[in-house]
Amino acid sequence: MKQKNVIQLEAALGIKLFQNKNDENTNTLERQFDKNIETKRKNCGIRILEIKNKNNLSDIQMAGILNVSVNDLMKIITGEIQPNIEMLDNIKQNFKVSIDWLIYGD
């Protein structure tokens, strides 16, 4: 009975609430089997640099917006360190970009 209700709800909402283990079209499995995931994550810094340049911000201004030092901003841009979730959310809110795009380029 429970499974029937889930199927009806999925049909009504037009979404899939639970993913079938064999369904390779899901985002989770797509990323799980994506061998380029590390490369995509390393490119996060490049996307942050792109945002900085697009908005004509200096290193000091961008670091201030992100609440990090200029040194840490440079490490993020070069991929030496990864931004934390608070920084990603800050970028999302300030520059109206998706976190998926920031991390994966999607």
C-alpha atoms as a PDB file:
ATOM      1  CA  MET A   1       0.000   0.000   0.000  1.00  0.00           C
ATOM      2  CA  LYS A   2       2.802   2.418   0.915  1.00  0.00           C
ATOM      3  CA  GLN A   3       4.584   1.855  -2.409  1.00  0.00           C
ATOM      4  CA  LYS A   4       1.353   2.562  -4.316  1.00  0.00           C
ATOM      5  CA  ASN A   5       0.969   5.896  -2.485  1.00  0.00           C
ATOM      6  CA  VAL A   6       4.539   6.852  -3.342  1.00  0.00           C
ATOM      7  CA  ILE A   7       3.980   6.015  -7.002  1.00  0.00           C
ATOM      8  CA  GLN A   8       0.784   8.103  -7.045  1.00  0.00           C
ATOM      9  CA  LEU A   9       2.537  11.021  -5.358  1.00  0.00           C
ATOM     10  CA  GLU A  10       5.435  10.838  -7.816  1.00  0.00           C
ATOM     11  CA  ALA A  11       2.982  10.846 -10.730  1.00  0.00           C
ATOM     12  CA  ALA A  12       1.033  13.785  -9.308  1.00  0.00           C
ATOM     13  CA  LEU A  13       4.133  15.870  -8.647  1.00  0.00           C
ATOM     14  CA  GLY A  14       5.986  14.799 -11.767  1.00  0.00           C
ATOM     15  CA  ILE A  15       9.092  13.896  -9.777  1.00  0.00           C
ATOM     16  CA  LYS A  16      10.821  10.771  -8.596  1.00  0.00           C
ATOM     17  CA  LEU A  17      11.036  10.566  -4.793  1.00  0.00           C
ATOM     18  CA  PHE A  18      13.095   7.402  -4.607  1.00  0.00           C
ATOM     19  CA  GLN A  19      15.672   6.290  -7.116  1.00  0.00           C
ATOM     20  CA  ASN A  20      15.936   2.762  -8.397  1.00  0.00           C
ATOM     21  CA  LYS A  21      19.447   1.349  -7.879  1.00  0.00           C
ATOM     22  CA  ASN A  22      19.557   0.429 -11.564  1.00  0.00           C
ATOM     23  CA  ASP A  23      18.463   3.877 -12.774  1.00  0.00           C
ATOM     24  CA  GLU A  24      21.670   5.377 -14.185  1.00  0.00           C
ATOM     25  CA  ASN A  25      19.947   8.619 -15.177  1.00  0.00           C
ATOM     26  CA  THR A  26      19.861  10.017 -11.648  1.00  0.00           C
ATOM     27  CA  ASN A  27      22.094  12.901 -10.581  1.00  0.00           C
ATOM     28  CA  THR A  28      23.465  10.893  -7.678  1.00  0.00           C
ATOM     29  CA  LEU A  29      24.540   7.986  -9.843  1.00  0.00           C
ATOM     30  CA  GLU A  30      25.681  10.276 -12.635  1.00  0.00           C
ATOM     31  CA  ARG A  31      28.125  11.947 -10.287  1.00  0.00           C
ATOM     32  CA  GLN A  32      28.996   8.712  -8.515  1.00  0.00           C
ATOM     33  CA  PHE A  33      30.278   7.181 -11.748  1.00  0.00           C
ATOM     34  CA  ASP A  34      31.714  10.400 -13.209  1.00  0.00           C
ATOM     35  CA  LYS A  35      35.458   9.874 -13.414  1.00  0.00           C
ATOM     36  CA  ASN A  36      36.014  13.585 -14.077  1.00  0.00           C
ATOM     37  CA  ILE A  37      34.455  14.668 -10.778  1.00  0.00           C
ATOM     38  CA  GLU A  38      37.801  15.633  -9.222  1.00  0.00           C
ATOM     39  CA  THR A  39      38.670  17.750 -12.258  1.00  0.00           C
ATOM     40  CA  LYS A  40      35.277  19.441 -12.099  1.00  0.00           C
ATOM     41  CA  ARG A  41      35.738  20.229  -8.411  1.00  0.00           C
ATOM     42  CA  LYS A  42      39.200  21.639  -9.043  1.00  0.00           C
ATOM     43  CA  ASN A  43      37.651  23.958 -11.608  1.00  0.00           C
ATOM     44  CA  CYS A  44      35.488  25.498  -8.875  1.00  0.00           C
ATOM     45  CA  GLY A  45      38.236  28.054  -8.276  1.00  0.00           C
ATOM     46  CA  ILE A  46      38.224  28.980 -11.939  1.00  0.00           C
ATOM     47  CA  ARG A  47      34.469  29.595 -11.762  1.00  0.00           C
ATOM     48  CA  ILE A  48      34.962  31.792  -8.675  1.00  0.00           C
ATOM     49  CA  LEU A  49      37.616  33.742 -10.589  1.00  0.00           C
ATOM     50  CA  GLU A  50      35.174  34.058 -13.483  1.00  0.00           C
ATOM     51  CA  ILE A  51      32.562  35.553 -11.127  1.00  0.00           C
ATOM     52  CA  LYS A  52      35.143  37.955  -9.684  1.00  0.00           C
ATOM     53  CA  ASN A  53      36.221  39.140 -13.132  1.00  0.00           C
ATOM     54  CA  LYS A  54      32.676  39.361 -14.504  1.00  0.00           C
ATOM     55  CA  ASN A  55      31.758  41.669 -11.623  1.00  0.00           C
ATOM     56  CA  ASN A  56      34.963  43.738 -11.962  1.00  0.00           C
ATOM     57  CA  LEU A  57      35.978  43.028  -8.372  1.00  0.00           C
ATOM     58  CA  SER A  58      39.493  43.351  -7.022  1.00  0.00           C
ATOM     59  CA  ASP A  59      41.034  40.502  -5.043  1.00  0.00           C
ATOM     60  CA  ILE A  60      40.476  42.500  -1.852  1.00  0.00           C
ATOM     61  CA  GLN A  61      36.817  43.165  -2.682  1.00  0.00           C
ATOM     62  CA  MET A  62      36.118  39.518  -3.554  1.00  0.00           C
ATOM     63  CA  ALA A  63      37.908  38.285  -0.443  1.00  0.00           C
ATOM     64  CA  GLY A  64      35.835  40.721   1.631  1.00  0.00           C
ATOM     65  CA  ILE A  65      32.577  39.486   0.128  1.00  0.00           C
ATOM     66  CA  LEU A  66      33.593  35.880   0.806  1.00  0.00           C
ATOM     67  CA  ASN A  67      34.924  36.725   4.263  1.00  0.00           C
ATOM     68  CA  VAL A  68      38.353  35.194   3.613  1.00  0.00           C
ATOM     69  CA  SER A  69      41.855  36.563   3.347  1.00  0.00           C
ATOM     70  CA  VAL A  70      43.247  37.455  -0.075  1.00  0.00           C
ATOM     71  CA  ASN A  71      45.773  34.658   0.433  1.00  0.00           C
ATOM     72  CA  ASP A  72      42.979  32.104   0.991  1.00  0.00           C
ATOM     73  CA  LEU A  73      41.073  33.476  -2.015  1.00  0.00           C
ATOM     74  CA  MET A  74      44.140  32.861  -4.184  1.00  0.00           C
ATOM     75  CA  LYS A  75      44.434  29.303  -2.816  1.00  0.00           C
ATOM     76  CA  ILE A  76      40.776  28.680  -3.664  1.00  0.00           C
ATOM     77  CA  ILE A  77      41.181  30.089  -7.169  1.00  0.00           C
ATOM     78  CA  THR A  78      44.259  27.933  -7.809  1.00  0.00           C
ATOM     79  CA  GLY A  79      42.566  24.830  -6.377  1.00  0.00           C
ATOM     80  CA  GLU A  80      44.934  24.426  -3.427  1.00  0.00           C
ATOM     81  CA  ILE A  81      41.973  24.506  -1.043  1.00  0.00           C
ATOM     82  CA  GLN A  82      38.262  23.929  -1.567  1.00  0.00           C
ATOM     83  CA  PRO A  83      35.650  26.461  -0.476  1.00  0.00           C
ATOM     84  CA  ASN A  84      33.481  25.411   2.456  1.00  0.00           C
ATOM     85  CA  ILE A  85      29.694  25.209   2.306  1.00  0.00           C
ATOM     86  CA  GLU A  86      29.259  28.633   3.918  1.00  0.00           C
ATOM     87  CA  MET A  87      31.384  30.218   1.205  1.00  0.00           C
ATOM     88  CA  LEU A  88      29.518  28.387  -1.551  1.00  0.00           C
ATOM     89  CA  ASP A  89      26.218  29.563  -0.092  1.00  0.00           C
ATOM     90  CA  ASN A  90      27.588  33.110   0.193  1.00  0.00           C
ATOM     91  CA  ILE A  91      28.584  33.063  -3.487  1.00  0.00           C
ATOM     92  CA  LYS A  92      25.196  31.640  -4.429  1.00  0.00           C
ATOM     93  CA  GLN A  93      23.350  34.390  -2.566  1.00  0.00           C
ATOM     94  CA  ASN A  94      25.543  37.297  -3.686  1.00  0.00           C
ATOM     95  CA  PHE A  95      26.041  36.359  -7.317  1.00  0.00           C
ATOM     96  CA  LYS A  96      22.871  34.354  -8.071  1.00  0.00           C
ATOM     97  CA  VAL A  97      24.632  31.207  -9.309  1.00  0.00           C
ATOM     98  CA  SER A  98      23.876  27.612  -8.394  1.00  0.00           C
ATOM     99  CA  ILE A  99      26.099  25.607  -6.102  1.00  0.00           C
ATOM    100  CA  ASP A 100      26.024  22.770  -8.650  1.00  0.00           C
ATOM    101  CA  TRP A 101      27.497  25.123 -11.234  1.00  0.00           C
ATOM    102  CA  LEU A 102      30.148  26.307  -8.776  1.00  0.00           C
ATOM    103  CA  ILE A 103      31.246  22.807  -7.825  1.00  0.00           C
ATOM    104  CA  TYR A 104      30.595  20.772 -10.961  1.00  0.00           C
ATOM    105  CA  GLY A 105      30.094  23.282 -13.758  1.00  0.00           C
ATOM    106  CA  ASP A 106      26.570  21.901 -14.318  1.00  0.00           C
END
